Amino acid sequence: MFSEKDGFPREPFPNGWKGENGLYAVGFTKRGLLGASIDARRIAEDIELRWKAKKFHDLCSCVTPTATIMGWK
């Protein structure tokens, strides 16, 4: 995710905020507070999407007799 040469993300702005394995980088855009706030907002949105997807998956993975009878599962 980070360059060994200068320590900044390898992906240029605006795609340098998301790394691998849940690693995020904020404030490495060389764009001051505006860049850091853009990174922070994108990270918050990504976490929200992952949270909602997990909750939906957990909800749908519950098999109940009613769900089976009603054809929900």
Protein backbone atom coordinates (compact mmCIF):
# COMPACT_ATOMS: atom_id res chain seq x y z
CA MET A 1 0.00 0.00 0.00
CA PHE A 2 2.82 2.41 0.85
CA SER A 3 5.85 3.18 -1.25
CA GLU A 4 9.18 2.28 0.30
CA LYS A 5 10.74 5.27 -1.45
CA ASP A 6 8.71 8.12 0.04
CA GLY A 7 6.21 6.44 2.41
CA PHE A 8 3.12 7.68 0.59
CA PRO A 9 0.40 5.43 -0.82
CA ARG A 10 1.29 3.84 -4.16
CA GLU A 11 -2.11 4.66 -5.63
CA PRO A 12 -2.45 8.36 -6.50
CA PHE A 13 -5.21 10.62 -5.18
CA PRO A 14 -8.13 9.95 -4.97
CA ASN A 15 -7.62 6.17 -4.73
CA GLY A 16 -4.85 5.95 -2.14
CA TRP A 17 -7.11 5.76 0.92
CA LYS A 18 -7.95 2.04 0.79
CA GLY A 19 -5.36 -0.66 1.18
CA GLU A 20 -5.52 -4.39 1.60
CA ASN A 21 -6.85 -6.41 4.55
CA GLY A 22 -8.88 -3.55 6.01
CA LEU A 23 -5.99 -1.07 6.13
CA TYR A 24 -6.94 2.54 5.47
CA ALA A 25 -4.74 5.62 5.01
CA VAL A 26 -5.91 9.13 5.86
CA GLY A 27 -4.04 12.33 5.16
CA PHE A 28 -1.40 11.14 2.71
CA THR A 29 -2.82 13.04 -0.27
CA LYS A 30 -0.57 16.09 0.02
CA ARG A 31 -3.77 18.12 -0.13
CA GLY A 32 -3.99 19.30 3.48
CA LEU A 33 -7.13 19.11 5.57
CA LEU A 34 -9.35 18.93 2.50
CA GLY A 35 -7.59 15.77 1.30
CA ALA A 36 -7.70 14.23 4.77
CA SER A 37 -11.42 14.97 5.08
CA ILE A 38 -12.09 13.40 1.66
CA ASP A 39 -10.17 10.28 2.71
CA ALA A 40 -11.99 10.14 6.05
CA ARG A 41 -15.40 10.42 4.40
CA ARG A 42 -14.61 7.65 1.89
CA ILE A 43 -13.36 5.40 4.67
CA ALA A 44 -16.49 6.03 6.74
CA GLU A 45 -18.68 5.21 3.73
CA ASP A 46 -16.71 2.02 3.06
CA ILE A 47 -17.05 0.90 6.68
CA GLU A 48 -20.78 1.67 6.57
CA LEU A 49 -21.24 -0.43 3.42
CA ARG A 50 -19.31 -3.34 4.93
CA TRP A 51 -21.27 -3.07 8.20
CA LYS A 52 -24.63 -3.08 6.41
CA ALA A 53 -23.59 -5.97 4.15
CA LYS A 54 -22.53 -8.02 7.18
CA LYS A 55 -25.77 -7.27 9.05
CA PHE A 56 -27.81 -8.22 5.96
CA HIS A 57 -25.80 -11.42 5.52
CA ASP A 58 -26.25 -12.32 9.20
CA LEU A 59 -29.99 -11.61 8.96
CA CYS A 60 -30.42 -13.70 5.81
CA SER A 61 -28.36 -16.58 7.12
CA CYS A 62 -30.86 -17.22 9.92
CA VAL A 63 -33.02 -20.10 8.75
CA THR A 64 -36.30 -20.38 10.60
CA PRO A 65 -39.26 -22.64 9.92
CA THR A 66 -41.37 -19.59 9.06
CA ALA A 67 -38.80 -18.34 6.58
CA THR A 68 -38.65 -21.74 4.92
CA ILE A 69 -42.43 -22.09 4.72
CA MET A 70 -42.88 -18.56 3.38
CA GLY A 71 -40.18 -19.10 0.77
CA TRP A 72 -37.90 -16.43 2.20
CA LYS A 73 -34.99 -18.82 2.42
